[in-house]
Protein backbone atom coordinates (compact mmCIF):
# COMPACT_ATOMS: atom_id res chain seq x y z
CA MET A 1 -19.72 -23.28 5.87
CA ARG A 2 -16.45 -21.34 5.54
CA THR A 3 -15.50 -18.01 7.07
CA VAL A 4 -12.47 -15.86 6.30
CA PHE A 5 -10.70 -13.54 8.73
CA CYS A 6 -8.05 -11.09 7.57
CA GLY A 7 -5.90 -8.89 9.75
CA LEU A 8 -3.57 -8.82 12.72
CA THR A 9 -2.03 -11.72 14.59
CA THR A 10 0.15 -11.11 17.64
CA VAL A 11 1.68 -13.08 20.47
CA ASP A 12 0.48 -11.61 23.75
CA LEU A 13 2.13 -11.72 27.14
CA ILE A 14 -0.78 -10.97 29.47
CA GLN A 15 -0.05 -10.10 33.10
CA ASN A 16 -2.72 -9.78 35.80
CA VAL A 17 -1.67 -7.11 38.29
CA GLU A 18 -3.26 -5.16 41.13
CA HIS A 19 -2.35 -1.95 39.33
CA VAL A 20 -0.37 -0.93 36.26
CA PRO A 21 3.12 0.12 37.41
CA ALA A 22 4.11 3.76 37.34
CA ALA A 23 7.48 4.98 36.08
CA ASN A 24 10.37 3.07 37.67
CA GLU A 25 7.95 0.89 39.66
CA LYS A 26 8.01 -2.91 39.74
CA VAL A 27 4.96 -5.00 40.56
CA VAL A 28 4.44 -8.75 41.00
CA ALA A 29 1.81 -10.29 38.72
CA ASN A 30 -0.96 -12.43 40.15
CA GLY A 31 -0.99 -14.54 37.00
CA ALA A 32 0.36 -14.60 33.45
CA LEU A 33 -0.56 -16.03 30.08
CA LEU A 34 1.36 -16.32 26.80
CA ASP A 35 -1.08 -16.77 23.95
CA VAL A 36 -2.15 -15.75 20.46
CA GLY A 37 -3.62 -12.27 20.18
CA GLY A 38 -4.77 -9.75 17.62
CA PRO A 39 -8.37 -8.96 16.64
CA ALA A 40 -8.55 -11.07 13.48
CA ALA A 41 -6.75 -14.07 14.99
CA ASN A 42 -8.83 -14.09 18.16
CA ALA A 43 -12.07 -13.65 16.25
CA ALA A 44 -11.08 -16.60 14.05
CA ARG A 45 -10.47 -18.75 17.14
CA ILE A 46 -13.89 -17.85 18.52
CA ALA A 47 -15.47 -18.71 15.17
CA ALA A 48 -13.66 -22.06 15.18
CA ILE A 49 -15.07 -22.88 18.63
CA LEU A 50 -18.52 -22.11 17.23
CA GLY A 51 -18.02 -24.39 14.21
CA ALA A 52 -17.60 -21.73 11.52
CA ASN A 53 -14.59 -23.36 9.75
CA PRO A 54 -12.38 -20.22 9.72
CA THR A 55 -9.43 -19.38 7.50
CA LEU A 56 -7.09 -16.70 8.86
CA VAL A 57 -5.23 -14.52 6.34
CA SER A 58 -2.45 -12.79 8.24
CA PRO A 59 1.33 -12.24 8.31
CA VAL A 60 2.59 -14.55 11.05
CA GLY A 61 6.03 -15.88 10.11
CA ASN A 62 8.25 -18.88 10.77
CA GLY A 63 10.31 -17.55 13.67
CA VAL A 64 10.03 -18.92 17.19
CA PHE A 65 6.96 -16.88 18.11
CA GLY A 66 5.42 -17.23 14.67
CA THR A 67 5.69 -21.01 14.85
CA MET A 68 4.09 -21.04 18.29
CA ALA A 69 1.24 -18.82 17.11
CA THR A 70 0.62 -21.00 14.06
CA ASP A 71 0.55 -24.15 16.16
CA TRP A 72 -1.88 -22.64 18.67
CA LEU A 73 -4.16 -21.41 15.90
CA LYS A 74 -4.17 -24.80 14.17
CA ASP A 75 -4.88 -26.50 17.50
CA CYS A 76 -8.04 -24.39 17.70
CA GLY A 77 -9.15 -25.44 14.21
CA VAL A 78 -8.07 -22.30 12.35
CA ARG A 79 -6.69 -22.80 8.82
CA MET A 80 -3.75 -20.46 8.19
CA ILE A 81 -2.77 -18.50 5.11
CA ASP A 82 0.50 -16.93 6.24
CA LEU A 83 1.37 -13.75 4.34
CA ALA A 84 4.69 -13.20 6.13
CA THR A 85 7.97 -13.33 4.25
CA GLY A 86 9.70 -14.46 7.45
CA GLY A 87 10.26 -13.43 11.03
CA ASP A 88 7.70 -13.22 13.81
CA PRO A 89 4.37 -11.55 14.51
CA ALA A 90 4.14 -8.49 16.69
CA ILE A 91 4.66 -9.09 20.40
CA SER A 92 2.18 -7.39 22.68
CA SER A 93 2.65 -6.71 26.37
CA VAL A 94 -0.66 -6.46 28.20
CA ALA A 95 -1.29 -5.51 31.82
CA ILE A 96 -4.78 -6.09 33.24
CA ASP A 97 -5.43 -4.46 36.60
CA ALA A 98 -7.79 -5.44 39.39
CA ARG A 99 -10.65 -3.46 37.86
CA GLY A 100 -10.31 -5.16 34.49
CA ASP A 101 -8.79 -2.11 32.80
CA ARG A 102 -5.98 -2.90 30.41
CA ALA A 103 -2.78 -1.27 29.19
CA VAL A 104 -1.34 -2.58 25.90
CA ILE A 105 2.00 -2.03 24.18
CA SER A 106 2.33 -3.47 20.65
CA THR A 107 3.97 -2.71 17.33
CA ASN A 108 0.90 -4.00 15.42
CA ASN A 109 3.22 -5.20 12.61
CA SER A 110 3.55 -1.65 11.31
CA GLY A 111 5.64 -1.52 8.13
CA ARG A 112 6.18 -5.28 7.98
CA SER A 113 6.44 -6.67 4.44
CA HIS A 114 3.96 -9.32 3.36
CA THR A 115 2.64 -11.21 0.38
CA PHE A 116 -0.96 -11.39 -0.86
CA PRO A 117 -3.44 -14.29 -0.81
CA SER A 118 -4.45 -16.16 -3.94
CA ALA A 119 -7.64 -15.25 -5.77
CA ASP A 120 -9.50 -18.33 -4.51
CA VAL A 121 -9.30 -17.43 -0.81
CA LEU A 122 -12.98 -16.40 -0.78
CA ASP A 123 -14.28 -19.43 -2.67
CA ASN A 124 -17.31 -20.90 -0.84
CA ALA A 125 -16.95 -18.35 1.97
CA ALA A 126 -20.09 -17.33 3.84
CA ALA A 127 -18.57 -14.27 5.53
CA LEU A 128 -15.39 -12.18 5.61
CA LEU A 129 -14.14 -10.26 8.66
CA ILE A 130 -11.54 -7.50 8.37
CA ASP A 131 -10.00 -5.50 11.22
CA GLY A 132 -8.37 -2.55 9.40
CA HIS A 133 -4.82 -3.62 10.27
CA LEU A 134 -3.90 -4.83 6.77
CA PRO A 135 -5.70 -2.40 4.44
CA ASP A 136 -3.75 -3.15 1.25
CA VAL A 137 -4.81 -6.81 1.53
CA GLN A 138 -8.25 -6.17 2.97
CA LEU A 139 -9.38 -3.67 0.34
CA PRO A 140 -9.27 -6.07 -2.65
CA LEU A 141 -10.70 -8.88 -0.49
CA ALA A 142 -13.60 -6.70 0.65
CA ARG A 143 -14.24 -5.48 -2.88
CA THR A 144 -14.32 -9.05 -4.20
CA ALA A 145 -16.56 -10.20 -1.35
CA GLN A 146 -19.01 -7.38 -2.05
CA GLN A 147 -19.10 -8.33 -5.73
CA ARG A 148 -19.86 -11.94 -4.79
CA GLY A 149 -22.53 -11.03 -2.24
CA ILE A 150 -20.44 -12.23 0.71
CA PRO A 151 -21.08 -10.27 3.93
CA VAL A 152 -18.10 -8.13 4.97
CA ILE A 153 -17.86 -7.57 8.74
CA PHE A 154 -15.66 -4.77 10.01
CA ASP A 155 -14.06 -4.90 13.45
CA GLY A 156 -13.89 -1.21 14.30
CA GLY A 157 -11.83 -1.30 17.46
CA SER A 158 -10.12 1.96 16.55
CA TYR A 159 -9.71 4.26 13.57
CA LYS A 160 -6.67 3.48 11.41
CA ASP A 161 -5.07 4.74 8.22
CA GLY A 162 -7.00 3.13 5.38
CA THR A 163 -10.28 2.79 7.28
CA VAL A 164 -12.15 5.31 5.11
CA ALA A 165 -11.27 3.38 1.94
CA LEU A 166 -12.54 0.11 3.45
CA LEU A 167 -15.91 1.29 4.76
CA PRO A 168 -17.77 1.46 1.39
CA TYR A 169 -17.27 -2.31 1.04
CA VAL A 170 -18.43 -3.16 4.58
CA SER A 171 -21.92 -4.60 4.99
CA HIS A 172 -21.80 -5.06 8.78
CA GLY A 173 -19.73 -2.79 11.00
CA ILE A 174 -19.30 -3.29 14.75
CA PHE A 175 -17.41 -0.44 16.41
CA SER A 176 -16.09 0.20 19.89
CA ALA A 177 -16.78 3.33 21.92
CA ASP A 178 -13.16 4.35 21.16
CA PHE A 179 -13.72 4.44 17.38
CA VAL A 180 -13.95 7.96 15.97
CA LEU A 181 -14.60 8.54 12.27
CA PRO A 182 -13.60 12.05 11.17
CA GLY A 183 -16.72 13.97 10.23
CA ALA A 184 -19.09 11.54 11.95
CA GLU A 185 -18.23 11.94 15.61
CA ASP A 186 -21.81 12.42 16.80
CA GLN A 187 -23.88 10.26 14.44
CA LEU A 188 -21.56 7.46 13.39
CA LEU A 189 -24.14 4.66 13.16
CA GLU A 190 -26.72 6.73 11.32
CA MET A 191 -24.18 7.95 8.78
CA LEU A 192 -22.80 4.47 8.11
CA ALA A 193 -26.30 3.02 7.75
CA TRP A 194 -27.19 5.85 5.37
CA ARG A 195 -24.07 5.05 3.33
CA GLY A 196 -25.26 1.49 2.84
CA MET A 197 -24.29 -0.71 5.81
CA THR A 198 -26.94 -3.33 6.55
CA LEU A 199 -25.92 -3.20 10.21
CA ALA A 200 -23.94 -0.57 12.06
CA ALA A 201 -23.43 -1.24 15.77
CA ARG A 202 -21.43 0.21 18.61
CA SER A 203 -20.44 -1.36 21.93
CA ASN A 204 -19.76 0.63 25.05
CA GLY A 205 -18.45 -1.58 27.82
CA SER A 206 -21.23 -2.93 29.99
CA GLU A 207 -23.73 -0.43 28.56
CA PRO A 208 -26.26 -1.56 25.92
CA VAL A 209 -24.98 -2.10 22.38
CA GLU A 210 -26.49 0.46 20.00
CA ALA A 211 -27.34 -0.70 16.50
CA VAL A 212 -28.99 0.58 13.34
CA VAL A 213 -30.40 -2.28 11.27
CA GLY A 214 -32.50 -1.69 8.19
CA GLY A 215 -32.88 1.97 9.11
CA LYS A 216 -34.22 1.18 12.59
CA TYR A 217 -32.47 1.91 15.89
CA TYR A 218 -32.03 -0.81 18.52
CA SER A 219 -30.53 -0.91 22.00
CA LEU A 220 -29.41 -4.41 22.96
CA PRO A 221 -28.69 -5.11 26.64
CA VAL A 222 -25.36 -6.57 27.75
CA PRO A 223 -25.65 -9.39 30.33
CA GLN A 224 -23.98 -8.22 33.51
CA VAL A 225 -21.21 -10.32 35.03
CA PRO A 226 -20.59 -10.04 38.78
CA ALA A 227 -17.22 -8.43 39.48
CA GLU A 228 -16.04 -11.44 41.46
CA GLU A 229 -16.55 -13.70 38.41
CA VAL A 230 -14.56 -11.56 35.96
CA VAL A 231 -11.11 -12.93 35.09
CA ASP A 232 -10.04 -11.15 31.91
CA THR A 233 -11.84 -8.58 29.73
CA LEU A 234 -9.11 -8.28 27.10
CA GLY A 235 -10.63 -10.52 24.41
CA ALA A 236 -14.30 -9.64 24.88
CA GLY A 237 -14.43 -7.49 21.76
CA ASP A 238 -12.79 -10.22 19.69
CA ALA A 239 -15.37 -12.68 21.01
CA LEU A 240 -18.12 -10.29 19.94
CA HIS A 241 -16.84 -10.03 16.38
CA GLY A 242 -15.97 -13.70 15.99
CA ALA A 243 -19.31 -14.89 17.33
CA PHE A 244 -21.23 -12.42 15.17
CA THR A 245 -19.36 -13.53 12.05
CA ALA A 246 -20.02 -17.21 12.81
CA ALA A 247 -23.71 -16.62 13.45
CA LEU A 248 -24.20 -14.48 10.35
CA ALA A 249 -22.41 -17.07 8.22
CA ALA A 250 -24.75 -19.74 9.65
CA GLY A 251 -27.77 -17.82 8.35
CA GLN A 252 -28.97 -15.97 11.43
CA SER A 253 -30.48 -12.50 11.04
CA GLU A 254 -28.38 -9.48 11.94
CA LEU A 255 -30.20 -8.91 15.23
CA GLN A 256 -30.12 -12.59 16.19
CA ALA A 257 -26.41 -12.78 15.40
CA LEU A 258 -25.61 -9.60 17.31
CA SER A 259 -27.67 -10.55 20.36
CA GLY A 260 -26.03 -13.98 20.58
CA ALA A 261 -22.58 -12.46 20.08
CA ILE A 262 -23.18 -10.01 22.92
CA ASP A 263 -23.99 -12.93 25.21
CA ILE A 264 -20.81 -14.79 24.23
CA ALA A 265 -18.70 -11.63 24.68
CA SER A 266 -20.03 -11.27 28.22
CA ARG A 267 -19.38 -14.93 28.97
CA SER A 268 -15.82 -14.59 27.67
CA VAL A 269 -14.69 -12.37 30.56
CA ARG A 270 -15.00 -15.35 32.91
CA GLY A 271 -11.88 -17.03 31.47
CA MET A 272 -8.23 -16.13 31.00
CA GLY A 273 -7.32 -15.18 27.45
CA ALA A 274 -9.63 -14.86 24.47
CA ILE A 275 -10.83 -18.48 24.54
CA GLY A 276 -10.24 -19.49 28.16
CA TRP A 277 -13.98 -19.27 28.87
CA ALA A 278 -14.64 -22.05 26.35
CA LEU A 279 -12.04 -24.50 27.65
CA THR A 280 -12.12 -26.80 30.62
CA ASP A 281 -8.34 -26.72 30.93
CA GLU A 282 -5.87 -23.84 30.62
CA PRO A 283 -5.82 -22.20 27.16
CA ARG A 284 -3.18 -23.61 24.84
CA GLY A 285 -0.01 -21.60 25.03
CA SER A 286 -0.47 -20.61 28.64
CA HIS A 287 2.59 -20.78 30.83
CA ALA A 288 0.84 -19.81 34.04
CA SER A 289 -2.43 -18.45 35.30
CA SER A 290 -3.78 -17.78 38.75
CA ALA A 291 -5.59 -15.31 40.96
CA ASP A 292 -8.71 -14.08 39.15
CA SER A 293 -8.78 -10.32 38.60
CA PRO A 294 -12.17 -8.66 39.22
CA GLY A 295 -13.48 -6.01 36.85
CA ALA A 296 -16.38 -4.95 34.67
CA ALA A 297 -17.62 -6.76 31.58
CA THR A 298 -16.43 -4.80 28.54
CA PRO A 299 -17.45 -6.37 25.21
CA GLU A 300 -15.71 -3.85 22.98
């Protein structure tokens, strides 16, 4: 079984703080982590943990941070197809407060030049995930996957330029509560299902995940995590998408895959970083981590 993930890779500096500093304020972090980030990269790492043999198609680069990111991804079992012509991935600064709320600053690789993958990147693939961050690469990949009958999963964390062009080629869309599609603000899932998506789902923090599958509406509960056990909610959405992609590629039904992915997303908040929950030691790439930060489970 092979899976392919295409989209954004970043290097994240994650700081756990009591509160996000105001203008001209300095705060001391309770813990910090330097690690790979980005929705496609994190989802690929989750899929690797679950045995889905992922290939990540993303501009990373051969600079200092790009080399670190590539090494950390390979250590997790992710095969890399680097589309960068040089340099480094975007650097994200993330502050997670005591309630689990996050503040993120990132360039998202906007305007960065890149190459394109070879035509055989989807050979023997059982699923393709795209995150909307690389639409000129993702559009031909999604079109080819649709032609070959390969499921195309869309990580709809937020609306981006190029999203509308991608959606007709998406078979399974999982959106966050923050995603707003112009013209479908009130009935997003129903409209996307009517347009042909096999599954259209939406997460909303610790509230049930809504889904339309085969024309039927479902409300799937999110396992609740006690506040004192929550360490980091940042990568919960990436865990949701990566676990769903792995399960769908393994032959599970849409509802089975989504239900299991919801469980893994909730479990993920118990560890630092996107994959800390799955490791017995500190996540690779971490420079320091301490002082758990309580908050609410938010698989978005």
